[in-house]
């Protein structure tokens, strides 16, 4: 079982930056790929970024490529999402997700993740 706790959300203006963090429980963190997803009101949960278990491979949604950076610290069981040049359309609840033990390759599929955090709100004003 893995528990995930996100932090770092908030209200910012367009063009600002935020750094989200996700702390994971358990001792199998490096064996799991991690991902960030987001969900705007009335819309489906969508892929943002994913990182492999080793941290050597990352993938991004086209909408955030070049602005967001996903990273992980396997010594501290944490994953981060650095968000720069934020836009109003980035407003959503952001969720951290973990794949099952042994699934170290990242995935952009929401169904590829077994564990989810409670989410953190990011609001970008224009």
N, C-alpha and C. Protein backbone atom coordinates (compact mmCIF):
# COMPACT_ATOMS: atom_id res chain seq x y z
N UNK A 1 0.84 -1.19 0.00
CA UNK A 1 0.00 0.00 0.00
C UNK A 1 0.88 1.24 0.00
N UNK A 2 0.48 2.25 -0.75
CA UNK A 2 1.22 3.50 -0.84
C UNK A 2 0.28 4.64 -0.51
N UNK A 3 0.75 5.54 0.32
CA UNK A 3 -0.01 6.76 0.59
C UNK A 3 0.74 7.94 0.03
N UNK A 4 -0.01 8.84 -0.60
CA UNK A 4 0.58 10.00 -1.25
C UNK A 4 -0.05 11.27 -0.70
N UNK A 5 0.80 12.25 -0.40
CA UNK A 5 0.31 13.52 0.13
C UNK A 5 0.94 14.65 -0.67
N UNK A 6 0.07 15.41 -1.36
CA UNK A 6 0.54 16.54 -2.15
C UNK A 6 0.57 17.81 -1.33
N UNK A 7 1.41 18.74 -1.77
CA UNK A 7 1.47 20.06 -1.15
C UNK A 7 2.00 21.04 -2.17
N UNK A 8 1.82 22.33 -1.88
CA UNK A 8 2.42 23.36 -2.72
C UNK A 8 1.46 24.12 -3.62
N UNK A 9 0.19 23.73 -3.63
CA UNK A 9 -0.75 24.44 -4.46
C UNK A 9 -1.05 25.83 -3.91
N UNK A 10 -1.78 26.61 -4.70
CA UNK A 10 -2.14 27.95 -4.24
C UNK A 10 -2.72 28.79 -5.34
N UNK A 11 -2.89 30.07 -5.02
CA UNK A 11 -3.43 31.06 -5.96
C UNK A 11 -2.28 31.95 -6.43
N UNK A 12 -2.07 31.99 -7.74
CA UNK A 12 -1.00 32.80 -8.31
C UNK A 12 -1.53 33.55 -9.52
N UNK A 13 -0.72 34.47 -10.01
CA UNK A 13 -1.09 35.22 -11.21
C UNK A 13 -0.45 34.57 -12.43
N UNK A 14 -1.03 34.83 -13.57
CA UNK A 14 -0.48 34.33 -14.83
C UNK A 14 0.98 34.77 -14.95
N UNK A 15 1.83 33.82 -15.37
CA UNK A 15 3.25 34.10 -15.50
C UNK A 15 4.07 33.70 -14.30
N UNK A 16 3.40 33.45 -13.17
CA UNK A 16 4.10 33.05 -11.95
C UNK A 16 4.49 31.57 -12.00
N UNK A 17 5.19 31.17 -10.96
CA UNK A 17 5.63 29.78 -10.83
C UNK A 17 5.13 29.17 -9.53
N UNK A 18 4.99 27.86 -9.53
CA UNK A 18 4.66 27.09 -8.33
C UNK A 18 5.41 25.78 -8.38
N UNK A 19 5.71 25.25 -7.21
CA UNK A 19 6.35 23.94 -7.14
C UNK A 19 5.48 23.03 -6.27
N UNK A 20 4.95 21.99 -6.89
CA UNK A 20 4.17 21.00 -6.16
C UNK A 20 5.09 19.88 -5.68
N UNK A 21 4.76 19.36 -4.52
CA UNK A 21 5.50 18.22 -3.98
C UNK A 21 4.54 17.11 -3.61
N UNK A 22 5.05 15.90 -3.66
CA UNK A 22 4.24 14.73 -3.29
C UNK A 22 5.14 13.81 -2.47
N UNK A 23 4.73 13.57 -1.25
CA UNK A 23 5.47 12.68 -0.36
C UNK A 23 4.81 11.31 -0.34
N UNK A 24 5.60 10.28 -0.55
CA UNK A 24 5.08 8.91 -0.61
C UNK A 24 5.52 8.10 0.60
N UNK A 25 4.63 7.24 1.06
CA UNK A 25 4.97 6.32 2.14
C UNK A 25 5.53 5.03 1.54
N UNK A 26 6.09 4.17 2.36
CA UNK A 26 6.55 2.88 1.89
C UNK A 26 8.00 2.87 1.48
N UNK A 27 8.56 1.66 1.30
CA UNK A 27 9.98 1.52 1.01
C UNK A 27 10.22 1.03 -0.42
N UNK A 28 9.22 1.13 -1.27
CA UNK A 28 9.37 0.63 -2.64
C UNK A 28 9.24 1.76 -3.65
N UNK A 29 9.53 2.97 -3.21
CA UNK A 29 9.28 4.14 -4.04
C UNK A 29 10.02 4.08 -5.37
N UNK A 30 11.29 3.72 -5.35
CA UNK A 30 12.09 3.75 -6.57
C UNK A 30 11.68 2.70 -7.59
N UNK A 31 10.85 1.75 -7.18
CA UNK A 31 10.39 0.71 -8.10
C UNK A 31 9.12 1.12 -8.84
N UNK A 32 8.62 2.30 -8.55
CA UNK A 32 7.34 2.74 -9.12
C UNK A 32 7.53 4.02 -9.94
N UNK A 33 6.98 4.02 -11.12
CA UNK A 33 6.87 5.27 -11.85
C UNK A 33 5.84 6.15 -11.16
N UNK A 34 6.02 7.45 -11.30
CA UNK A 34 5.10 8.41 -10.68
C UNK A 34 4.55 9.34 -11.75
N UNK A 35 3.40 9.90 -11.47
CA UNK A 35 2.80 10.81 -12.43
C UNK A 35 2.06 11.94 -11.75
N UNK A 36 1.84 12.98 -12.50
CA UNK A 36 0.99 14.10 -12.09
C UNK A 36 -0.16 14.21 -13.10
N UNK A 37 -1.35 14.37 -12.57
CA UNK A 37 -2.54 14.57 -13.38
C UNK A 37 -3.26 15.80 -12.85
N UNK A 38 -4.18 16.32 -13.63
CA UNK A 38 -4.97 17.46 -13.16
C UNK A 38 -6.40 17.34 -13.64
N UNK A 39 -7.29 17.95 -12.86
CA UNK A 39 -8.70 17.89 -13.18
C UNK A 39 -9.33 19.25 -12.94
N UNK A 40 -9.84 19.84 -14.00
CA UNK A 40 -10.55 21.12 -13.90
C UNK A 40 -12.02 20.84 -13.63
N UNK A 41 -12.75 21.81 -13.08
CA UNK A 41 -14.16 21.59 -12.75
C UNK A 41 -14.96 21.14 -13.97
N UNK A 42 -15.69 20.05 -13.81
CA UNK A 42 -16.56 19.55 -14.86
C UNK A 42 -15.83 18.84 -15.99
N UNK A 43 -14.54 18.60 -15.81
CA UNK A 43 -13.77 17.96 -16.87
C UNK A 43 -13.11 16.67 -16.35
N UNK A 44 -12.64 15.86 -17.30
CA UNK A 44 -11.97 14.62 -16.95
C UNK A 44 -10.58 14.89 -16.37
N UNK A 45 -10.11 13.92 -15.61
CA UNK A 45 -8.74 14.00 -15.11
C UNK A 45 -7.78 13.75 -16.28
N UNK A 46 -6.78 14.63 -16.41
CA UNK A 46 -5.90 14.56 -17.55
C UNK A 46 -4.43 14.44 -17.14
N UNK A 47 -3.68 13.77 -17.98
CA UNK A 47 -2.27 13.57 -17.78
C UNK A 47 -1.51 14.89 -17.87
N UNK A 48 -0.51 15.06 -16.98
CA UNK A 48 0.36 16.22 -17.01
C UNK A 48 1.81 15.79 -17.28
N UNK A 49 2.31 14.89 -16.42
CA UNK A 49 3.71 14.47 -16.56
C UNK A 49 3.91 13.16 -15.84
N UNK A 50 4.92 12.41 -16.28
CA UNK A 50 5.28 11.16 -15.63
C UNK A 50 6.79 11.01 -15.61
N UNK A 51 7.27 10.26 -14.62
CA UNK A 51 8.71 10.03 -14.47
C UNK A 51 8.93 8.57 -14.10
N UNK A 52 9.96 7.98 -14.68
CA UNK A 52 10.26 6.58 -14.42
C UNK A 52 10.80 6.40 -13.00
N UNK A 53 10.87 5.15 -12.57
CA UNK A 53 11.32 4.85 -11.22
C UNK A 53 12.71 5.38 -10.91
N UNK A 54 13.59 5.32 -11.88
CA UNK A 54 14.96 5.80 -11.70
C UNK A 54 15.07 7.31 -11.85
N UNK A 55 14.06 7.90 -12.46
CA UNK A 55 14.09 9.33 -12.75
C UNK A 55 14.75 9.66 -14.07
N UNK A 56 15.17 8.64 -14.80
CA UNK A 56 15.90 8.87 -16.03
C UNK A 56 15.05 9.17 -17.25
N UNK A 57 13.76 8.95 -17.13
CA UNK A 57 12.87 9.16 -18.27
C UNK A 57 11.65 9.95 -17.83
N UNK A 58 11.32 10.98 -18.58
CA UNK A 58 10.15 11.80 -18.30
C UNK A 58 9.35 12.01 -19.57
N UNK A 59 8.06 12.22 -19.39
CA UNK A 59 7.15 12.50 -20.50
C UNK A 59 6.17 13.57 -20.04
N UNK A 60 5.81 14.46 -20.96
CA UNK A 60 4.93 15.56 -20.62
C UNK A 60 3.76 15.66 -21.60
N UNK A 61 2.66 16.18 -21.12
CA UNK A 61 1.57 16.55 -22.01
C UNK A 61 2.02 17.73 -22.86
N UNK A 62 1.53 17.79 -24.07
CA UNK A 62 1.93 18.88 -24.97
C UNK A 62 1.62 20.25 -24.37
N UNK A 63 0.53 20.32 -23.62
CA UNK A 63 0.09 21.61 -23.08
C UNK A 63 1.04 22.18 -22.03
N UNK A 64 1.91 21.35 -21.46
CA UNK A 64 2.82 21.84 -20.41
C UNK A 64 4.28 21.70 -20.79
N UNK A 65 4.54 21.10 -21.91
CA UNK A 65 5.92 20.86 -22.34
C UNK A 65 6.67 22.19 -22.45
N UNK A 66 7.86 22.22 -21.86
CA UNK A 66 8.66 23.43 -21.88
C UNK A 66 8.37 24.38 -20.72
N UNK A 67 7.27 24.15 -20.01
CA UNK A 67 6.92 25.01 -18.87
C UNK A 67 7.00 24.25 -17.54
N UNK A 68 6.65 22.97 -17.55
CA UNK A 68 6.64 22.16 -16.34
C UNK A 68 7.80 21.18 -16.36
N UNK A 69 8.30 20.86 -15.17
CA UNK A 69 9.37 19.88 -15.03
C UNK A 69 9.04 18.94 -13.86
N UNK A 70 9.02 17.66 -14.15
CA UNK A 70 8.81 16.66 -13.11
C UNK A 70 10.17 16.11 -12.68
N UNK A 71 10.32 15.88 -11.38
CA UNK A 71 11.56 15.33 -10.85
C UNK A 71 11.23 14.48 -9.63
N UNK A 72 12.18 13.67 -9.20
CA UNK A 72 11.95 12.84 -8.02
C UNK A 72 13.24 12.71 -7.24
N UNK A 73 13.08 12.49 -5.94
CA UNK A 73 14.20 12.25 -5.04
C UNK A 73 13.92 10.92 -4.36
N UNK A 74 14.55 9.86 -4.85
CA UNK A 74 14.26 8.54 -4.31
C UNK A 74 14.80 8.35 -2.90
N UNK A 75 15.74 9.17 -2.50
CA UNK A 75 16.24 9.09 -1.13
C UNK A 75 15.24 9.64 -0.13
N UNK A 76 14.37 10.52 -0.62
CA UNK A 76 13.37 11.15 0.26
C UNK A 76 11.95 10.74 -0.09
N UNK A 77 11.80 9.82 -1.04
CA UNK A 77 10.46 9.34 -1.44
C UNK A 77 9.53 10.49 -1.80
N UNK A 78 10.05 11.40 -2.61
CA UNK A 78 9.24 12.54 -3.01
C UNK A 78 9.33 12.74 -4.53
N UNK A 79 8.28 13.31 -5.07
CA UNK A 79 8.25 13.70 -6.47
C UNK A 79 7.76 15.15 -6.52
N UNK A 80 8.31 15.91 -7.45
CA UNK A 80 7.99 17.32 -7.55
C UNK A 80 7.49 17.66 -8.95
N UNK A 81 6.75 18.74 -9.02
CA UNK A 81 6.33 19.29 -10.30
C UNK A 81 6.59 20.79 -10.25
N UNK A 82 7.63 21.23 -10.95
CA UNK A 82 7.94 22.64 -11.06
C UNK A 82 7.14 23.22 -12.21
N UNK A 83 6.31 24.21 -11.91
CA UNK A 83 5.43 24.78 -12.92
C UNK A 83 5.81 26.24 -13.11
N UNK A 84 6.27 26.55 -14.30
CA UNK A 84 6.66 27.92 -14.64
C UNK A 84 5.72 28.50 -15.69
N UNK A 85 5.74 29.80 -15.78
CA UNK A 85 4.91 30.53 -16.76
C UNK A 85 3.48 30.01 -16.74
N UNK A 86 2.90 30.02 -15.58
CA UNK A 86 1.55 29.47 -15.42
C UNK A 86 0.52 30.30 -16.17
N UNK A 87 -0.49 29.61 -16.67
CA UNK A 87 -1.56 30.23 -17.44
C UNK A 87 -2.89 29.96 -16.74
N UNK A 88 -3.90 30.78 -16.98
CA UNK A 88 -5.21 30.53 -16.37
C UNK A 88 -5.74 29.13 -16.69
N UNK A 89 -5.44 28.63 -17.86
CA UNK A 89 -5.92 27.29 -18.23
C UNK A 89 -5.22 26.16 -17.47
N UNK A 90 -4.21 26.49 -16.68
CA UNK A 90 -3.57 25.51 -15.81
C UNK A 90 -4.35 25.32 -14.51
N UNK A 91 -5.35 26.13 -14.29
CA UNK A 91 -6.16 26.03 -13.08
C UNK A 91 -6.85 24.67 -13.00
N UNK A 92 -6.62 23.97 -11.90
CA UNK A 92 -7.17 22.63 -11.71
C UNK A 92 -6.75 22.10 -10.35
N UNK A 93 -7.32 20.99 -9.99
CA UNK A 93 -6.80 20.22 -8.86
C UNK A 93 -5.72 19.29 -9.43
N UNK A 94 -4.57 19.32 -8.83
CA UNK A 94 -3.44 18.50 -9.29
C UNK A 94 -3.28 17.29 -8.37
N UNK A 95 -3.19 16.12 -9.00
CA UNK A 95 -3.08 14.87 -8.28
C UNK A 95 -1.75 14.19 -8.56
N UNK A 96 -1.14 13.68 -7.51
CA UNK A 96 0.03 12.84 -7.62
C UNK A 96 -0.44 11.38 -7.67
N UNK A 97 0.23 10.57 -8.47
CA UNK A 97 -0.17 9.17 -8.61
C UNK A 97 1.05 8.27 -8.68
N UNK A 98 0.89 7.05 -8.18
CA UNK A 98 1.96 6.06 -8.19
C UNK A 98 1.49 4.79 -8.89
N UNK A 99 2.38 4.20 -9.65
CA UNK A 99 2.06 2.93 -10.31
C UNK A 99 2.29 1.78 -9.31
N UNK A 100 1.87 0.63 -9.70
CA UNK A 100 2.02 -0.55 -8.85
C UNK A 100 3.49 -0.92 -8.73
N UNK A 101 3.83 -1.64 -7.65
CA UNK A 101 5.20 -2.09 -7.40
C UNK A 101 5.73 -2.84 -8.62
N UNK A 102 6.93 -2.44 -9.08
CA UNK A 102 7.55 -3.10 -10.21
C UNK A 102 7.29 -2.44 -11.55
N UNK A 103 6.31 -1.56 -11.58
CA UNK A 103 6.00 -0.84 -12.82
C UNK A 103 6.81 0.45 -12.83
N UNK A 104 8.04 0.36 -13.28
CA UNK A 104 8.94 1.50 -13.19
C UNK A 104 8.90 2.40 -14.41
N UNK A 105 8.25 1.97 -15.47
CA UNK A 105 8.13 2.82 -16.66
C UNK A 105 6.96 3.77 -16.47
N UNK A 106 7.13 5.01 -16.88
CA UNK A 106 6.07 5.99 -16.76
C UNK A 106 4.91 5.69 -17.68
N UNK A 107 3.77 6.29 -17.38
CA UNK A 107 2.57 6.11 -18.18
C UNK A 107 1.77 7.39 -18.20
N UNK A 108 1.14 7.66 -19.34
CA UNK A 108 0.26 8.82 -19.46
C UNK A 108 -1.20 8.44 -19.29
N UNK A 109 -1.45 7.17 -19.02
CA UNK A 109 -2.80 6.64 -18.90
C UNK A 109 -3.24 6.69 -17.44
N UNK A 110 -4.35 7.35 -17.18
CA UNK A 110 -4.83 7.47 -15.80
C UNK A 110 -5.10 6.09 -15.19
N UNK A 111 -5.45 5.14 -16.02
CA UNK A 111 -5.73 3.78 -15.53
C UNK A 111 -4.47 2.98 -15.23
N UNK A 112 -3.32 3.57 -15.52
CA UNK A 112 -2.06 2.89 -15.25
C UNK A 112 -1.55 3.10 -13.84
N UNK A 113 -2.31 3.82 -13.04
CA UNK A 113 -1.90 4.17 -11.69
C UNK A 113 -2.84 3.58 -10.66
N UNK A 114 -2.25 3.06 -9.61
CA UNK A 114 -3.04 2.37 -8.59
C UNK A 114 -3.26 3.21 -7.33
N UNK A 115 -2.41 4.22 -7.14
CA UNK A 115 -2.48 5.00 -5.91
C UNK A 115 -2.53 6.49 -6.24
N UNK A 116 -3.39 7.19 -5.50
CA UNK A 116 -3.61 8.61 -5.76
C UNK A 116 -3.57 9.40 -4.47
N UNK A 117 -3.08 10.63 -4.59
CA UNK A 117 -3.15 11.55 -3.47
C UNK A 117 -4.51 12.23 -3.43
N UNK A 118 -4.68 13.09 -2.45
CA UNK A 118 -5.97 13.76 -2.27
C UNK A 118 -6.12 14.98 -3.17
N UNK A 119 -5.02 15.42 -3.77
CA UNK A 119 -5.07 16.55 -4.68
C UNK A 119 -4.73 17.87 -4.00
N UNK A 120 -4.22 18.79 -4.79
CA UNK A 120 -3.93 20.14 -4.30
C UNK A 120 -4.40 21.14 -5.36
N UNK A 121 -5.08 22.17 -4.91
CA UNK A 121 -5.68 23.14 -5.83
C UNK A 121 -4.63 24.13 -6.32
N UNK A 122 -4.62 24.34 -7.62
CA UNK A 122 -3.81 25.37 -8.25
C UNK A 122 -4.76 26.29 -9.01
N UNK A 123 -4.72 27.57 -8.67
CA UNK A 123 -5.56 28.55 -9.32
C UNK A 123 -4.68 29.65 -9.89
N UNK A 124 -4.83 29.91 -11.18
CA UNK A 124 -4.02 30.92 -11.86
C UNK A 124 -4.97 32.01 -12.35
N UNK A 125 -4.78 33.21 -11.85
CA UNK A 125 -5.64 34.32 -12.25
C UNK A 125 -5.00 35.09 -13.41
N UNK A 126 -5.84 35.66 -14.23
CA UNK A 126 -5.35 36.39 -15.41
C UNK A 126 -5.06 37.84 -15.08
